[in-house]
C-alpha atoms as a PDB file:
ATOM      1  CA  MET A   1     -30.940 -51.853 -45.149  1.00  0.00           C
ATOM      2  CA  LEU A   2     -30.267 -48.329 -43.923  1.00  0.00           C
ATOM      3  CA  ALA A   3     -26.829 -48.764 -42.352  1.00  0.00           C
ATOM      4  CA  GLY A   4     -24.761 -45.602 -42.642  1.00  0.00           C
ATOM      5  CA  ARG A   5     -27.603 -43.489 -43.998  1.00  0.00           C
ATOM      6  CA  THR A   6     -28.751 -40.327 -42.265  1.00  0.00           C
ATOM      7  CA  MET A   7     -32.245 -39.304 -41.224  1.00  0.00           C
ATOM      8  CA  PHE A   8     -33.256 -35.790 -40.168  1.00  0.00           C
ATOM      9  CA  ILE A   9     -36.483 -35.869 -38.171  1.00  0.00           C
ATOM     10  CA  SER A  10     -38.545 -33.169 -36.498  1.00  0.00           C
ATOM     11  CA  GLY A  11     -40.262 -33.854 -33.201  1.00  0.00           C
ATOM     12  CA  GLY A  12     -38.460 -37.117 -32.553  1.00  0.00           C
ATOM     13  CA  SER A  13     -38.233 -37.023 -28.775  1.00  0.00           C
ATOM     14  CA  ARG A  14     -41.234 -39.289 -28.109  1.00  0.00           C
ATOM     15  CA  GLY A  15     -44.122 -41.200 -29.652  1.00  0.00           C
ATOM     16  CA  ILE A  16     -44.198 -41.973 -33.357  1.00  0.00           C
ATOM     17  CA  GLY A  17     -41.128 -39.881 -34.141  1.00  0.00           C
ATOM     18  CA  LEU A  18     -38.971 -41.687 -31.595  1.00  0.00           C
ATOM     19  CA  ALA A  19     -40.280 -45.069 -32.750  1.00  0.00           C
ATOM     20  CA  ILE A  20     -39.285 -44.268 -36.353  1.00  0.00           C
ATOM     21  CA  ALA A  21     -35.860 -43.083 -35.213  1.00  0.00           C
ATOM     22  CA  LYS A  22     -35.251 -46.241 -33.193  1.00  0.00           C
ATOM     23  CA  ARG A  23     -36.386 -48.458 -36.076  1.00  0.00           C
ATOM     24  CA  VAL A  24     -33.871 -47.032 -38.543  1.00  0.00           C
ATOM     25  CA  ALA A  25     -31.223 -47.066 -35.808  1.00  0.00           C
ATOM     26  CA  ARG A  26     -31.551 -50.845 -35.615  1.00  0.00           C
ATOM     27  CA  ASP A  27     -29.952 -50.931 -39.074  1.00  0.00           C
ATOM     28  CA  GLY A  28     -27.131 -48.685 -37.915  1.00  0.00           C
ATOM     29  CA  ALA A  29     -28.500 -45.461 -39.388  1.00  0.00           C
ATOM     30  CA  ASN A  30     -27.583 -41.973 -38.221  1.00  0.00           C
ATOM     31  CA  VAL A  31     -30.400 -39.873 -36.759  1.00  0.00           C
ATOM     32  CA  ALA A  32     -30.469 -36.122 -36.232  1.00  0.00           C
ATOM     33  CA  LEU A  33     -33.527 -35.049 -34.307  1.00  0.00           C
ATOM     34  CA  ILE A  34     -34.710 -31.514 -33.722  1.00  0.00           C
ATOM     35  CA  ALA A  35     -37.244 -30.896 -30.964  1.00  0.00           C
ATOM     36  CA  LYS A  36     -38.034 -28.234 -28.389  1.00  0.00           C
ATOM     37  CA  THR A  37     -37.995 -30.536 -25.382  1.00  0.00           C
ATOM     38  CA  ALA A  38     -34.689 -29.991 -23.614  1.00  0.00           C
ATOM     39  CA  GLU A  39     -36.095 -30.467 -20.107  1.00  0.00           C
ATOM     40  CA  PRO A  40     -38.589 -33.132 -18.914  1.00  0.00           C
ATOM     41  CA  HIS A  41     -42.267 -32.140 -19.077  1.00  0.00           C
ATOM     42  CA  PRO A  42     -44.684 -33.427 -16.415  1.00  0.00           C
ATOM     43  CA  GLN A  43     -47.182 -34.711 -19.011  1.00  0.00           C
ATOM     44  CA  LEU A  44     -44.841 -35.462 -21.907  1.00  0.00           C
ATOM     45  CA  PRO A  45     -42.173 -38.100 -21.304  1.00  0.00           C
ATOM     46  CA  GLY A  46     -38.817 -37.813 -23.022  1.00  0.00           C
ATOM     47  CA  THR A  47     -36.418 -35.109 -24.205  1.00  0.00           C
ATOM     48  CA  VAL A  48     -34.159 -34.864 -27.228  1.00  0.00           C
ATOM     49  CA  PHE A  49     -31.371 -36.195 -25.033  1.00  0.00           C
ATOM     50  CA  THR A  50     -33.205 -39.250 -23.708  1.00  0.00           C
ATOM     51  CA  ALA A  51     -34.315 -39.940 -27.281  1.00  0.00           C
ATOM     52  CA  ALA A  52     -30.710 -39.766 -28.474  1.00  0.00           C
ATOM     53  CA  ALA A  53     -29.725 -42.291 -25.809  1.00  0.00           C
ATOM     54  CA  ASP A  54     -32.518 -44.616 -26.956  1.00  0.00           C
ATOM     55  CA  ILE A  55     -31.391 -44.293 -30.582  1.00  0.00           C
ATOM     56  CA  GLN A  56     -27.813 -45.140 -29.687  1.00  0.00           C
ATOM     57  CA  GLU A  57     -28.937 -48.077 -27.588  1.00  0.00           C
ATOM     58  CA  ALA A  58     -30.895 -49.351 -30.612  1.00  0.00           C
ATOM     59  CA  GLY A  59     -27.705 -49.366 -32.671  1.00  0.00           C
ATOM     60  CA  GLY A  60     -27.561 -45.995 -34.419  1.00  0.00           C
ATOM     61  CA  ARG A  61     -25.674 -42.756 -34.048  1.00  0.00           C
ATOM     62  CA  ALA A  62     -27.657 -39.789 -32.753  1.00  0.00           C
ATOM     63  CA  LEU A  63     -27.378 -36.025 -32.906  1.00  0.00           C
ATOM     64  CA  PRO A  64     -29.872 -34.345 -30.531  1.00  0.00           C
ATOM     65  CA  ILE A  65     -30.648 -30.743 -31.468  1.00  0.00           C
ATOM     66  CA  VAL A  66     -32.752 -28.447 -29.317  1.00  0.00           C
ATOM     67  CA  GLY A  67     -34.614 -26.241 -31.753  1.00  0.00           C
ATOM     68  CA  ASP A  68     -37.940 -24.921 -32.994  1.00  0.00           C
ATOM     69  CA  ILE A  69     -38.948 -25.616 -36.596  1.00  0.00           C
ATOM     70  CA  ARG A  70     -41.005 -22.425 -36.677  1.00  0.00           C
ATOM     71  CA  PHE A  71     -37.800 -20.452 -37.107  1.00  0.00           C
ATOM     72  CA  ASP A  72     -35.813 -20.532 -40.339  1.00  0.00           C
ATOM     73  CA  ASP A  73     -32.429 -19.899 -38.737  1.00  0.00           C
ATOM     74  CA  GLN A  74     -32.832 -22.725 -36.239  1.00  0.00           C
ATOM     75  CA  VAL A  75     -33.744 -25.218 -38.965  1.00  0.00           C
ATOM     76  CA  GLU A  76     -30.865 -24.045 -41.152  1.00  0.00           C
ATOM     77  CA  GLU A  77     -28.432 -24.435 -38.259  1.00  0.00           C
ATOM     78  CA  ALA A  78     -29.802 -27.888 -37.408  1.00  0.00           C
ATOM     79  CA  VAL A  79     -29.452 -29.109 -40.983  1.00  0.00           C
ATOM     80  CA  ALA A  80     -25.921 -27.688 -41.213  1.00  0.00           C
ATOM     81  CA  ARG A  81     -24.967 -29.458 -37.976  1.00  0.00           C
ATOM     82  CA  THR A  82     -26.383 -32.705 -39.314  1.00  0.00           C
ATOM     83  CA  VAL A  83     -24.383 -32.513 -42.522  1.00  0.00           C
ATOM     84  CA  ALA A  84     -21.226 -31.570 -40.622  1.00  0.00           C
ATOM     85  CA  GLU A  85     -21.698 -34.529 -38.263  1.00  0.00           C
ATOM     86  CA  PHE A  86     -22.811 -37.227 -40.694  1.00  0.00           C
ATOM     87  CA  GLY A  87     -21.795 -35.993 -44.153  1.00  0.00           C
ATOM     88  CA  GLY A  88     -25.240 -35.624 -45.708  1.00  0.00           C
ATOM     89  CA  ILE A  89     -28.964 -36.361 -45.418  1.00  0.00           C
ATOM     90  CA  ASP A  90     -30.783 -39.294 -47.025  1.00  0.00           C
ATOM     91  CA  MET A  91     -34.160 -39.220 -45.252  1.00  0.00           C
ATOM     92  CA  CYS A  92     -36.207 -36.249 -44.048  1.00  0.00           C
ATOM     93  CA  VAL A  93     -39.150 -36.979 -41.752  1.00  0.00           C
ATOM     94  CA  ASN A  94     -41.689 -34.274 -40.942  1.00  0.00           C
ATOM     95  CA  ASN A  95     -43.180 -35.623 -37.756  1.00  0.00           C
ATOM     96  CA  ALA A  96     -43.522 -32.539 -35.535  1.00  0.00           C
ATOM     97  CA  SER A  97     -47.154 -31.535 -35.153  1.00  0.00           C
ATOM     98  CA  ALA A  98     -49.446 -29.351 -33.096  1.00  0.00           C
ATOM     99  CA  ILE A  99     -53.079 -30.270 -32.500  1.00  0.00           C
ATOM    100  CA  ASN A 100     -56.128 -28.435 -31.216  1.00  0.00           C
ATOM    101  CA  LEU A 101     -59.556 -29.738 -32.190  1.00  0.00           C
ATOM    102  CA  SER A 102     -61.561 -26.602 -31.409  1.00  0.00           C
ATOM    103  CA  ASN A 103     -64.087 -25.250 -33.887  1.00  0.00           C
ATOM    104  CA  THR A 104     -63.699 -21.904 -35.623  1.00  0.00           C
ATOM    105  CA  GLU A 105     -65.474 -19.865 -32.969  1.00  0.00           C
ATOM    106  CA  ALA A 106     -63.499 -21.385 -30.101  1.00  0.00           C
ATOM    107  CA  LEU A 107     -60.032 -21.576 -31.627  1.00  0.00           C
ATOM    108  CA  PRO A 108     -57.774 -18.670 -30.599  1.00  0.00           C
ATOM    109  CA  MET A 109     -55.824 -17.202 -33.488  1.00  0.00           C
ATOM    110  CA  LYS A 110     -52.612 -17.704 -31.522  1.00  0.00           C
ATOM    111  CA  VAL A 111     -53.269 -21.452 -31.554  1.00  0.00           C
ATOM    112  CA  TYR A 112     -54.294 -21.360 -35.224  1.00  0.00           C
ATOM    113  CA  ASP A 113     -50.969 -19.692 -36.042  1.00  0.00           C
ATOM    114  CA  LEU A 114     -49.070 -22.249 -33.946  1.00  0.00           C
ATOM    115  CA  MET A 115     -50.614 -25.181 -35.824  1.00  0.00           C
ATOM    116  CA  GLN A 116     -49.986 -23.612 -39.216  1.00  0.00           C
ATOM    117  CA  SER A 117     -46.379 -22.735 -38.389  1.00  0.00           C
ATOM    118  CA  ILE A 118     -45.467 -26.180 -37.043  1.00  0.00           C
ATOM    119  CA  ASN A 119     -47.529 -28.442 -39.297  1.00  0.00           C
ATOM    120  CA  ALA A 120     -47.809 -26.887 -42.747  1.00  0.00           C
ATOM    121  CA  ARG A 121     -45.023 -24.306 -42.694  1.00  0.00           C
ATOM    122  CA  GLY A 122     -42.723 -26.528 -40.650  1.00  0.00           C
ATOM    123  CA  ALA A 123     -42.958 -29.406 -43.108  1.00  0.00           C
ATOM    124  CA  TYR A 124     -42.370 -27.019 -46.008  1.00  0.00           C
ATOM    125  CA  LEU A 125     -39.385 -25.359 -44.318  1.00  0.00           C
ATOM    126  CA  VAL A 126     -37.676 -28.545 -43.151  1.00  0.00           C
ATOM    127  CA  SER A 127     -38.103 -30.212 -46.558  1.00  0.00           C
ATOM    128  CA  ARG A 128     -36.866 -27.113 -48.375  1.00  0.00           C
ATOM    129  CA  THR A 129     -33.817 -26.809 -46.127  1.00  0.00           C
ATOM    130  CA  CYS A 130     -32.912 -30.499 -46.501  1.00  0.00           C
ATOM    131  CA  LEU A 131     -33.443 -30.455 -50.277  1.00  0.00           C
ATOM    132  CA  PRO A 132     -29.888 -29.598 -51.421  1.00  0.00           C
ATOM    133  CA  HIS A 133     -28.528 -32.490 -49.364  1.00  0.00           C
ATOM    134  CA  LEU A 134     -31.266 -34.924 -50.374  1.00  0.00           C
ATOM    135  CA  LYS A 135     -30.303 -34.290 -53.994  1.00  0.00           C
ATOM    136  CA  GLU A 136     -26.945 -35.862 -53.144  1.00  0.00           C
ATOM    137  CA  GLY A 137     -28.417 -38.544 -50.874  1.00  0.00           C
ATOM    138  CA  THR A 138     -28.681 -42.307 -51.264  1.00  0.00           C
ATOM    139  CA  ASN A 139     -32.223 -43.388 -52.210  1.00  0.00           C
ATOM    140  CA  PRO A 140     -33.538 -40.085 -50.800  1.00  0.00           C
ATOM    141  CA  HIS A 141     -36.942 -39.878 -49.143  1.00  0.00           C
ATOM    142  CA  ILE A 142     -39.129 -37.191 -47.576  1.00  0.00           C
ATOM    143  CA  LEU A 143     -41.870 -38.614 -45.375  1.00  0.00           C
ATOM    144  CA  ASN A 144     -44.682 -36.486 -43.953  1.00  0.00           C
ATOM    145  CA  LEU A 145     -46.765 -37.827 -41.078  1.00  0.00           C
ATOM    146  CA  SER A 146     -49.993 -36.512 -42.548  1.00  0.00           C
ATOM    147  CA  PRO A 147     -53.329 -37.889 -43.779  1.00  0.00           C
ATOM    148  CA  PRO A 148     -54.773 -38.569 -47.202  1.00  0.00           C
ATOM    149  CA  LEU A 149     -56.539 -35.528 -48.652  1.00  0.00           C
ATOM    150  CA  ASN A 150     -60.168 -36.359 -47.896  1.00  0.00           C
ATOM    151  CA  LEU A 151     -62.435 -33.449 -48.860  1.00  0.00           C
ATOM    152  CA  ASP A 152     -65.557 -34.704 -47.099  1.00  0.00           C
ATOM    153  CA  PRO A 153     -66.860 -31.622 -45.217  1.00  0.00           C
ATOM    154  CA  LYS A 154     -67.191 -33.646 -42.003  1.00  0.00           C
ATOM    155  CA  TRP A 155     -63.419 -33.440 -41.573  1.00  0.00           C
ATOM    156  CA  PHE A 156     -63.569 -29.645 -41.759  1.00  0.00           C
ATOM    157  CA  GLN A 157     -66.764 -28.547 -40.072  1.00  0.00           C
ATOM    158  CA  ASN A 158     -65.711 -28.846 -36.417  1.00  0.00           C
ATOM    159  CA  THR A 159     -61.898 -28.796 -36.594  1.00  0.00           C
ATOM    160  CA  LEU A 160     -61.181 -26.456 -39.492  1.00  0.00           C
ATOM    161  CA  GLY A 161     -57.997 -24.913 -38.089  1.00  0.00           C
ATOM    162  CA  TYR A 162     -56.337 -28.265 -37.404  1.00  0.00           C
ATOM    163  CA  THR A 163     -57.516 -29.800 -40.667  1.00  0.00           C
ATOM    164  CA  MET A 164     -56.108 -26.910 -42.689  1.00  0.00           C
ATOM    165  CA  ALA A 165     -52.761 -27.201 -40.914  1.00  0.00           C
ATOM    166  CA  LYS A 166     -52.535 -30.971 -41.285  1.00  0.00           C
ATOM    167  CA  TYR A 167     -53.683 -30.940 -44.907  1.00  0.00           C
ATOM    168  CA  GLY A 168     -50.976 -28.358 -45.545  1.00  0.00           C
ATOM    169  CA  MET A 169     -48.466 -31.115 -44.846  1.00  0.00           C
ATOM    170  CA  SER A 170     -50.304 -33.420 -47.229  1.00  0.00           C
ATOM    171  CA  MET A 171     -50.279 -30.776 -49.943  1.00  0.00           C
ATOM    172  CA  CYS A 172     -46.503 -30.608 -49.513  1.00  0.00           C
ATOM    173  CA  THR A 173     -46.489 -34.305 -50.391  1.00  0.00           C
ATOM    174  CA  LEU A 174     -48.650 -33.748 -53.452  1.00  0.00           C
ATOM    175  CA  GLY A 175     -46.653 -30.815 -54.789  1.00  0.00           C
ATOM    176  CA  MET A 176     -43.111 -31.756 -53.812  1.00  0.00           C
ATOM    177  CA  ALA A 177     -43.458 -35.309 -55.153  1.00  0.00           C
ATOM    178  CA  ALA A 178     -43.989 -33.831 -58.605  1.00  0.00           C
ATOM    179  CA  GLU A 179     -41.484 -31.012 -58.162  1.00  0.00           C
ATOM    180  CA  PHE A 180     -38.669 -33.197 -56.820  1.00  0.00           C
ATOM    181  CA  ALA A 181     -39.225 -36.170 -59.154  1.00  0.00           C
ATOM    182  CA  PRO A 182     -36.445 -35.033 -61.529  1.00  0.00           C
ATOM    183  CA  TYR A 183     -34.008 -35.332 -58.625  1.00  0.00           C
ATOM    184  CA  GLY A 184     -35.100 -38.865 -57.771  1.00  0.00           C
ATOM    185  CA  ILE A 185     -36.377 -37.785 -54.360  1.00  0.00           C
ATOM    186  CA  ALA A 186     -39.432 -39.634 -53.076  1.00  0.00           C
ATOM    187  CA  VAL A 187     -42.032 -37.593 -51.187  1.00  0.00           C
ATOM    188  CA  ASN A 188     -44.816 -39.501 -49.446  1.00  0.00           C
ATOM    189  CA  SER A 189     -47.282 -39.231 -46.589  1.00  0.00           C
ATOM    190  CA  LEU A 190     -47.855 -41.909 -43.968  1.00  0.00           C
ATOM    191  CA  TRP A 191     -50.913 -42.082 -41.719  1.00  0.00           C
ATOM    192  CA  PRO A 192     -52.107 -44.711 -39.234  1.00  0.00           C
ATOM    193  CA  ARG A 193     -55.276 -46.681 -39.856  1.00  0.00           C
ATOM    194  CA  THR A 194     -56.161 -46.495 -36.161  1.00  0.00           C
ATOM    195  CA  LEU A 195     -55.450 -44.278 -33.220  1.00  0.00           C
ATOM    196  CA  ILE A 196     -51.870 -44.572 -32.012  1.00  0.00           C
ATOM    197  CA  ALA A 197     -51.023 -44.717 -28.315  1.00  0.00           C
ATOM    198  CA  THR A 198     -49.173 -41.417 -27.910  1.00  0.00           C
ATOM    199  CA  ALA A 199     -49.204 -38.539 -25.444  1.00  0.00           C
ATOM    200  CA  ALA A 200     -51.570 -36.640 -27.757  1.00  0.00           C
ATOM    201  CA  VAL A 201     -54.145 -39.435 -27.556  1.00  0.00           C
ATOM    202  CA  GLN A 202     -53.632 -39.786 -23.814  1.00  0.00           C
ATOM    203  CA  ASN A 203     -53.929 -36.069 -23.064  1.00  0.00           C
ATOM    204  CA  LEU A 204     -56.215 -34.710 -25.794  1.00  0.00           C
ATOM    205  CA  LEU A 205     -58.241 -37.454 -27.431  1.00  0.00           C
ATOM    206  CA  GLY A 206     -59.829 -39.472 -24.680  1.00  0.00           C
ATOM    207  CA  GLY A 207     -57.315 -40.549 -22.087  1.00  0.00           C
ATOM    208  CA  GLU A 208     -56.845 -44.179 -21.121  1.00  0.00           C
ATOM    209  CA  GLU A 209     -60.028 -45.330 -22.863  1.00  0.00           C
ATOM    210  CA  ALA A 210     -58.731 -43.978 -26.168  1.00  0.00           C
ATOM    211  CA  MET A 211     -55.358 -45.596 -25.529  1.00  0.00           C
ATOM    212  CA  LYS A 212     -57.091 -48.962 -25.164  1.00  0.00           C
ATOM    213  CA  ARG A 213     -58.520 -48.531 -28.674  1.00  0.00           C
ATOM    214  CA  SER A 214     -55.094 -47.729 -30.149  1.00  0.00           C
ATOM    215  CA  ARG A 215     -52.087 -49.436 -31.640  1.00  0.00           C
ATOM    216  CA  ARG A 216     -48.520 -48.814 -30.528  1.00  0.00           C
ATOM    217  CA  PRO A 217     -46.257 -46.353 -32.400  1.00  0.00           C
ATOM    218  CA  GLU A 218     -44.110 -49.226 -33.618  1.00  0.00           C
ATOM    219  CA  ILE A 219     -46.632 -50.049 -36.347  1.00  0.00           C
ATOM    220  CA  VAL A 220     -46.043 -46.648 -37.942  1.00  0.00           C
ATOM    221  CA  ALA A 221     -42.288 -47.022 -37.464  1.00  0.00           C
ATOM    222  CA  ASP A 222     -42.226 -50.395 -39.183  1.00  0.00           C
ATOM    223  CA  ALA A 223     -44.269 -48.988 -42.071  1.00  0.00           C
ATOM    224  CA  ALA A 224     -41.920 -46.006 -42.399  1.00  0.00           C
ATOM    225  CA  TYR A 225     -38.967 -48.396 -42.507  1.00  0.00           C
ATOM    226  CA  GLU A 226     -40.541 -50.284 -45.400  1.00  0.00           C
ATOM    227  CA  ILE A 227     -41.108 -47.012 -47.280  1.00  0.00           C
ATOM    228  CA  PHE A 228     -37.486 -45.905 -46.816  1.00  0.00           C
ATOM    229  CA  ASN A 229     -36.348 -49.156 -48.425  1.00  0.00           C
ATOM    230  CA  ARG A 230     -38.480 -48.650 -51.530  1.00  0.00           C
ATOM    231  CA  PRO A 231     -36.799 -47.149 -54.618  1.00  0.00           C
ATOM    232  CA  SER A 232     -37.130 -43.386 -54.332  1.00  0.00           C
ATOM    233  CA  GLY A 233     -37.529 -42.956 -58.067  1.00  0.00           C
ATOM    234  CA  GLU A 234     -40.614 -45.143 -58.124  1.00  0.00           C
ATOM    235  CA  ALA A 235     -42.372 -44.908 -54.734  1.00  0.00           C
ATOM    236  CA  THR A 236     -43.382 -41.263 -54.602  1.00  0.00           C
ATOM    237  CA  GLY A 237     -46.508 -39.119 -54.363  1.00  0.00           C
ATOM    238  CA  ASN A 238     -48.391 -41.648 -52.233  1.00  0.00           C
ATOM    239  CA  PHE A 239     -50.634 -41.306 -49.199  1.00  0.00           C
ATOM    240  CA  TYR A 240     -49.841 -44.533 -47.450  1.00  0.00           C
ATOM    241  CA  LEU A 241     -51.670 -46.181 -44.545  1.00  0.00           C
ATOM    242  CA  ASP A 242     -49.506 -48.099 -42.099  1.00  0.00           C
ATOM    243  CA  ASP A 243     -51.255 -51.469 -42.285  1.00  0.00           C
ATOM    244  CA  ASP A 244     -51.384 -51.380 -46.097  1.00  0.00           C
ATOM    245  CA  ILE A 245     -47.611 -50.976 -46.186  1.00  0.00           C
ATOM    246  CA  LEU A 246     -47.130 -53.871 -43.774  1.00  0.00           C
ATOM    247  CA  ALA A 247     -49.518 -56.058 -45.766  1.00  0.00           C
ATOM    248  CA  ASP A 248     -47.423 -55.390 -48.873  1.00  0.00           C
ATOM    249  CA  ALA A 249     -44.407 -56.548 -46.867  1.00  0.00           C
ATOM    250  CA  GLY A 250     -46.200 -59.757 -45.868  1.00  0.00           C
ATOM    251  CA  ILE A 251     -46.986 -58.683 -42.308  1.00  0.00           C
ATOM    252  CA  THR A 252     -50.652 -59.436 -41.704  1.00  0.00           C
ATOM    253  CA  ASP A 253     -50.787 -60.361 -38.008  1.00  0.00           C
ATOM    254  CA  LEU A 254     -51.155 -56.923 -36.438  1.00  0.00           C
ATOM    255  CA  GLU A 255     -52.299 -58.051 -32.996  1.00  0.00           C
ATOM    256  CA  PRO A 256     -48.797 -57.553 -31.494  1.00  0.00           C
ATOM    257  CA  TYR A 257     -49.121 -53.839 -32.267  1.00  0.00           C
ATOM    258  CA  SER A 258     -52.281 -53.390 -30.171  1.00  0.00           C
ATOM    259  CA  TYR A 259     -51.876 -51.320 -27.021  1.00  0.00           C
ATOM    260  CA  VAL A 260     -53.982 -53.879 -25.153  1.00  0.00           C
ATOM    261  CA  PRO A 261     -54.828 -57.440 -26.217  1.00  0.00           C
ATOM    262  CA  ASP A 262     -57.893 -57.884 -28.428  1.00  0.00           C
ATOM    263  CA  ALA A 263     -58.370 -54.125 -28.668  1.00  0.00           C
ATOM    264  CA  ASP A 264     -61.551 -52.637 -30.121  1.00  0.00           C
ATOM    265  CA  LEU A 265     -59.555 -50.396 -32.418  1.00  0.00           C
ATOM    266  CA  GLN A 266     -60.748 -46.902 -33.328  1.00  0.00           C
ATOM    267  CA  LEU A 267     -60.309 -45.596 -36.851  1.00  0.00           C
ATOM    268  CA  ASP A 268     -58.062 -42.551 -37.007  1.00  0.00           C
ATOM    269  CA  GLY A 269     -59.204 -39.166 -38.250  1.00  0.00           C
ATOM    270  CA  PHE A 270     -59.619 -38.268 -41.941  1.00  0.00           C
ATOM    271  CA  LEU A 271     -60.390 -41.895 -42.833  1.00  0.00           C
ATOM    272  CA  ASP A 272     -63.759 -43.245 -43.905  1.00  0.00           C
ATOM    273  CA  GLU A 273     -64.939 -46.701 -42.896  1.00  0.00           C
END
């Protein structure tokens, strides 16, 4: 149970991030979410403020923070506000991500820099800034929404910029799990087995047809919840897949998570058959 504990999450205004926030809120957890979306976007539903309302409706306390994790001062201010509001931080979730699947020749350096600064650098910065408070936290966890480190060249050859940025998050898991072990802080990655029905899939990865081959964000949220309840001193340095976590928890009927009934699910990126 996570009642009274505090989660700091980046990019929690929609999709997987919001689903994770709402899941911990059901236990009565506190959630501070930092995201750039202060005003509604025509293609991206939700803002930090609508997300905060959803979190409170689910049973938690929410602190919506408009901010950009690319900037040190904004992250430092957000973390300070979280600690002032809730008294500490027990869970840090690096969910914010930027994606562009162009190859090397087609990818503008401006977009390359954006992906690196949000994905790899953002996860590093947010974790680093939360660290002093996690040291004092209850069963403290850092969770990165990033894939297992699969070095098959096929995951690099056409999407090198994105792969480097996303694997940067996964390398944070690998390194920080070892570095923070003396403090009893768990650091893990979580990745979905299949596509997840989010705005990114809708807008960038195939539209409605891709959505029909996806599961709902709640499967990742339920897996994250199970991870947060594992002992931080033991469950660290792992690259978890969502359905493996649920299987360990005795949840084997995954049909309710499908975006459409009897979906022909598509394997997510960075995973082999």
